[in-house]
N, C-alpha and C. Protein backbone atom coordinates (compact mmCIF):
# COMPACT_ATOMS: atom_id res chain seq x y z
N MET A 1 -11.21 -5.55 -10.79
CA MET A 1 -10.10 -5.34 -10.53
C MET A 1 -10.08 -5.93 -8.94
N PRO A 2 -8.81 -6.83 -8.75
CA PRO A 2 -8.49 -7.20 -7.54
C PRO A 2 -8.28 -6.18 -6.63
N GLU A 3 -8.78 -6.23 -5.14
CA GLU A 3 -8.66 -5.34 -3.98
C GLU A 3 -8.27 -5.94 -2.49
N ARG A 4 -7.66 -5.51 -1.72
CA ARG A 4 -7.71 -6.03 -0.47
C ARG A 4 -7.79 -4.78 0.59
N ASP A 5 -8.30 -4.82 1.61
CA ASP A 5 -8.57 -3.91 2.68
C ASP A 5 -7.36 -4.31 3.76
N LEU A 6 -6.39 -3.35 4.06
CA LEU A 6 -5.31 -3.41 4.94
C LEU A 6 -5.69 -2.46 6.08
N THR A 7 -5.19 -3.19 7.42
CA THR A 7 -5.02 -2.28 8.34
C THR A 7 -3.50 -2.19 8.98
N PHE A 8 -3.38 -0.87 9.28
CA PHE A 8 -1.81 -0.71 9.61
C PHE A 8 -1.60 -0.79 11.24
N ASP A 9 -1.10 -1.88 11.70
CA ASP A 9 -1.12 -1.60 13.12
C ASP A 9 0.24 -1.50 13.78
N ASN A 10 1.21 -1.20 12.86
CA ASN A 10 2.59 -0.89 13.54
C ASN A 10 2.36 0.52 14.18
N GLU A 11 3.22 0.86 14.85
CA GLU A 11 3.31 1.93 15.50
C GLU A 11 3.30 3.16 14.61
N VAL A 12 3.84 3.28 13.44
CA VAL A 12 3.88 4.53 12.98
C VAL A 12 3.17 4.68 11.62
N GLY A 13 2.41 3.61 11.26
CA GLY A 13 1.59 3.42 10.12
C GLY A 13 2.62 3.54 8.83
N LEU A 14 2.16 4.20 7.74
CA LEU A 14 2.74 4.22 6.63
C LEU A 14 3.57 5.71 6.68
N HIS A 15 4.82 5.79 7.62
CA HIS A 15 5.41 6.87 7.78
C HIS A 15 6.91 6.53 7.46
N ALA A 16 7.62 7.54 6.81
CA ALA A 16 8.85 7.37 6.31
C ALA A 16 9.58 5.63 6.13
N ARG A 17 10.16 5.02 7.00
CA ARG A 17 10.68 3.87 6.44
C ARG A 17 9.75 2.97 6.20
N PRO A 18 8.41 2.63 6.94
CA PRO A 18 7.52 1.83 6.20
C PRO A 18 6.92 2.03 4.97
N ALA A 19 6.77 3.31 4.61
CA ALA A 19 6.19 3.88 3.58
C ALA A 19 7.18 3.41 2.32
N ALA A 20 8.61 3.69 2.68
CA ALA A 20 9.46 3.40 1.76
C ALA A 20 9.45 1.99 1.39
N LEU A 21 9.44 1.04 2.41
CA LEU A 21 9.44 -0.34 2.10
C LEU A 21 8.29 -0.96 1.36
N PHE A 22 7.01 -0.14 1.48
CA PHE A 22 5.78 -0.40 0.89
C PHE A 22 5.99 -0.08 -0.70
N VAL A 23 6.54 1.15 -0.98
CA VAL A 23 6.74 1.64 -2.20
C VAL A 23 7.70 0.83 -3.15
N LYS A 24 8.63 0.36 -2.17
CA LYS A 24 9.64 -0.40 -2.84
C LYS A 24 9.08 -1.77 -3.50
N LYS A 25 8.49 -2.63 -2.49
CA LYS A 25 7.61 -3.65 -2.96
C LYS A 25 6.50 -3.48 -3.87
N ALA A 26 6.03 -2.55 -3.86
CA ALA A 26 4.96 -2.21 -5.06
C ALA A 26 5.88 -2.11 -6.56
N GLY A 27 6.82 -1.32 -6.49
CA GLY A 27 7.65 -1.27 -7.57
C GLY A 27 8.35 -2.59 -8.14
N GLU A 28 8.07 -3.59 -7.50
CA GLU A 28 8.72 -4.91 -7.81
C GLU A 28 7.59 -5.57 -8.84
N PHE A 29 6.48 -4.85 -9.15
CA PHE A 29 5.43 -5.60 -9.99
C PHE A 29 5.00 -4.83 -10.93
N ASP A 30 4.55 -5.22 -12.09
CA ASP A 30 4.13 -4.48 -13.17
C ASP A 30 2.90 -4.07 -13.03
N ALA A 31 2.04 -4.73 -12.11
CA ALA A 31 0.28 -3.82 -11.93
C ALA A 31 0.60 -2.66 -11.51
N THR A 32 -0.60 -1.96 -11.75
CA THR A 32 -0.80 -0.42 -11.39
C THR A 32 -1.45 -0.89 -10.20
N ILE A 33 -0.80 -0.31 -8.97
CA ILE A 33 -1.22 -0.43 -7.73
C ILE A 33 -1.62 0.98 -7.04
N THR A 34 -2.87 0.72 -6.67
CA THR A 34 -3.35 2.19 -5.85
C THR A 34 -3.68 1.82 -4.45
N LEU A 35 -3.57 2.90 -3.65
CA LEU A 35 -4.00 3.14 -2.40
C LEU A 35 -4.98 3.75 -2.06
N HIS A 36 -5.89 3.66 -1.38
CA HIS A 36 -7.30 4.37 -1.20
C HIS A 36 -7.68 4.69 0.10
N LYS A 37 -7.60 5.92 0.76
CA LYS A 37 -7.95 6.06 2.01
C LYS A 37 -9.01 7.03 2.16
N ALA A 38 -10.13 6.98 2.85
CA ALA A 38 -11.02 7.77 2.40
C ALA A 38 -11.47 8.25 1.05
N GLU A 39 -11.58 9.25 0.75
CA GLU A 39 -11.83 9.85 -0.40
C GLU A 39 -10.61 10.28 -1.43
N THR A 40 -9.40 9.88 -0.93
CA THR A 40 -8.20 10.09 -1.40
C THR A 40 -7.60 8.87 -1.81
N GLU A 41 -6.68 9.04 -2.98
CA GLU A 41 -5.98 7.74 -3.28
C GLU A 41 -4.61 8.33 -3.80
N ALA A 42 -3.84 6.99 -3.98
CA ALA A 42 -2.23 7.44 -4.23
C ALA A 42 -1.60 6.25 -4.89
N ASP A 43 -0.74 6.83 -5.82
CA ASP A 43 0.09 5.53 -6.50
C ASP A 43 1.19 4.91 -5.44
N ALA A 44 0.71 3.57 -5.49
CA ALA A 44 1.69 2.83 -4.59
C ALA A 44 3.39 2.78 -4.91
N ARG A 45 3.64 3.33 -6.04
CA ARG A 45 5.06 3.46 -6.51
C ARG A 45 5.63 4.80 -5.95
N SER A 46 4.60 5.84 -5.74
CA SER A 46 5.23 7.21 -5.35
C SER A 46 5.21 7.35 -3.84
N LEU A 47 6.52 7.47 -3.37
CA LEU A 47 6.78 7.81 -1.79
C LEU A 47 6.13 8.86 -1.41
N LEU A 48 6.16 10.04 -2.27
CA LEU A 48 5.58 11.30 -1.85
C LEU A 48 3.98 10.97 -1.66
N ALA A 49 3.55 10.28 -2.79
CA ALA A 49 1.78 10.24 -2.76
C ALA A 49 1.53 9.51 -1.80
N VAL A 50 2.23 8.24 -1.36
CA VAL A 50 2.05 7.47 -0.03
C VAL A 50 2.01 8.31 1.21
N LEU A 51 3.01 8.96 1.21
CA LEU A 51 3.40 10.00 2.51
C LEU A 51 2.12 10.72 2.68
N LYS A 52 1.56 11.56 1.54
CA LYS A 52 0.55 12.33 1.72
C LYS A 52 -0.76 11.87 2.19
N LEU A 53 -0.88 10.45 1.90
CA LEU A 53 -2.02 9.76 2.59
C LEU A 53 -2.08 9.98 3.99
N ASP A 54 -1.31 9.91 4.61
CA ASP A 54 -1.08 10.19 6.26
C ASP A 54 -1.80 8.96 6.74
N VAL A 55 -1.30 7.98 6.54
CA VAL A 55 -1.69 6.59 6.82
C VAL A 55 -1.04 6.38 8.47
N ARG A 56 -2.07 6.37 9.49
CA ARG A 56 -1.60 6.23 10.91
C ARG A 56 -1.94 4.61 11.29
N ARG A 57 -1.42 4.69 12.56
CA ARG A 57 -1.64 3.17 13.33
C ARG A 57 -3.37 3.10 13.24
N GLY A 58 -3.75 1.96 12.90
CA GLY A 58 -5.05 1.66 13.13
C GLY A 58 -5.92 2.03 11.75
N ASP A 59 -5.53 2.81 11.00
CA ASP A 59 -5.86 3.27 9.66
C ASP A 59 -6.21 1.95 8.98
N HIS A 60 -7.38 2.16 8.09
CA HIS A 60 -7.80 0.92 7.21
C HIS A 60 -7.55 1.74 5.65
N VAL A 61 -6.87 0.81 4.75
CA VAL A 61 -6.60 1.52 3.55
C VAL A 61 -7.25 0.17 2.42
N ARG A 62 -7.83 0.50 1.48
CA ARG A 62 -8.06 -0.34 0.28
C ARG A 62 -7.11 0.03 -0.83
N VAL A 63 -6.36 -1.44 -1.23
CA VAL A 63 -5.54 -1.52 -2.03
C VAL A 63 -6.04 -2.28 -3.24
N THR A 64 -5.86 -1.36 -4.36
CA THR A 64 -6.35 -2.09 -5.42
C THR A 64 -5.12 -2.44 -6.59
N ALA A 65 -4.89 -3.37 -7.36
CA ALA A 65 -4.04 -3.66 -8.40
C ALA A 65 -4.76 -4.12 -9.59
N GLU A 66 -4.24 -3.72 -10.65
CA GLU A 66 -4.72 -4.10 -12.07
C GLU A 66 -3.52 -4.28 -12.89
N GLY A 67 -3.80 -5.57 -13.67
CA GLY A 67 -2.36 -6.24 -14.46
C GLY A 67 -2.49 -7.68 -14.46
N ASP A 68 -1.16 -8.10 -15.21
CA ASP A 68 -1.29 -9.64 -15.03
C ASP A 68 -1.09 -10.10 -13.77
N ASP A 69 -0.17 -9.36 -13.15
CA ASP A 69 0.54 -9.63 -11.61
C ASP A 69 -0.21 -9.18 -10.55
N ALA A 70 -1.35 -8.66 -10.60
CA ALA A 70 -2.06 -8.07 -9.50
C ALA A 70 -2.61 -8.99 -8.20
N GLU A 71 -2.79 -9.95 -8.43
CA GLU A 71 -3.05 -10.80 -7.15
C GLU A 71 -1.66 -11.07 -6.73
N ALA A 72 -0.56 -11.36 -7.47
CA ALA A 72 0.71 -11.38 -6.58
C ALA A 72 1.24 -10.13 -5.82
N ALA A 73 0.82 -9.39 -6.52
CA ALA A 73 1.39 -8.08 -5.73
C ALA A 73 0.49 -7.56 -4.67
N LEU A 74 -0.87 -7.96 -4.84
CA LEU A 74 -1.80 -7.90 -3.41
C LEU A 74 -1.13 -8.75 -2.29
N ASP A 75 -1.02 -10.04 -2.75
CA ASP A 75 -0.60 -10.85 -1.70
C ASP A 75 0.82 -10.60 -0.88
N ALA A 76 1.92 -9.78 -1.96
CA ALA A 76 3.18 -9.55 -1.26
C ALA A 76 3.10 -8.17 -0.30
N LEU A 77 2.15 -7.28 -0.87
CA LEU A 77 1.79 -6.16 -0.04
C LEU A 77 0.89 -6.62 1.02
N THR A 78 0.27 -7.34 1.13
CA THR A 78 -0.61 -7.87 2.48
C THR A 78 0.26 -8.46 3.45
N GLU A 79 1.23 -9.35 2.81
CA GLU A 79 2.33 -9.89 3.55
C GLU A 79 3.17 -8.60 4.37
N LEU A 80 3.56 -7.92 3.59
CA LEU A 80 4.55 -7.14 4.11
C LEU A 80 3.97 -6.10 5.06
N THR A 81 2.85 -5.80 5.00
CA THR A 81 1.85 -4.84 5.81
C THR A 81 1.88 -5.66 7.29
N GLY A 82 1.68 -6.97 7.30
CA GLY A 82 1.84 -7.65 8.70
C GLY A 82 3.12 -7.70 9.13
N GLN A 83 4.50 -7.52 8.34
CA GLN A 83 5.71 -7.35 8.98
C GLN A 83 6.09 -6.17 9.62
N LEU A 84 5.26 -5.02 8.89
CA LEU A 84 5.78 -3.70 9.16
C LEU A 84 5.91 -3.30 10.73
């Protein structure tokens, strides 16, 4: 299963607008995408689940994807993270 480690350097992490953009981008892929922070994980397609992770500036999150377009999904989410 492909995975990436992402660091959120934007001012608010994955709060409100950035989280909504992340969830929207994750929803564009068929792959099952999961965010992992410490011992907690969240479905990347669920805004509430992503917000509950409480990802703040400087936090490191592992993103895993499983499915035919897993690598493309991780590439897109990695690129988006750099733009937030």
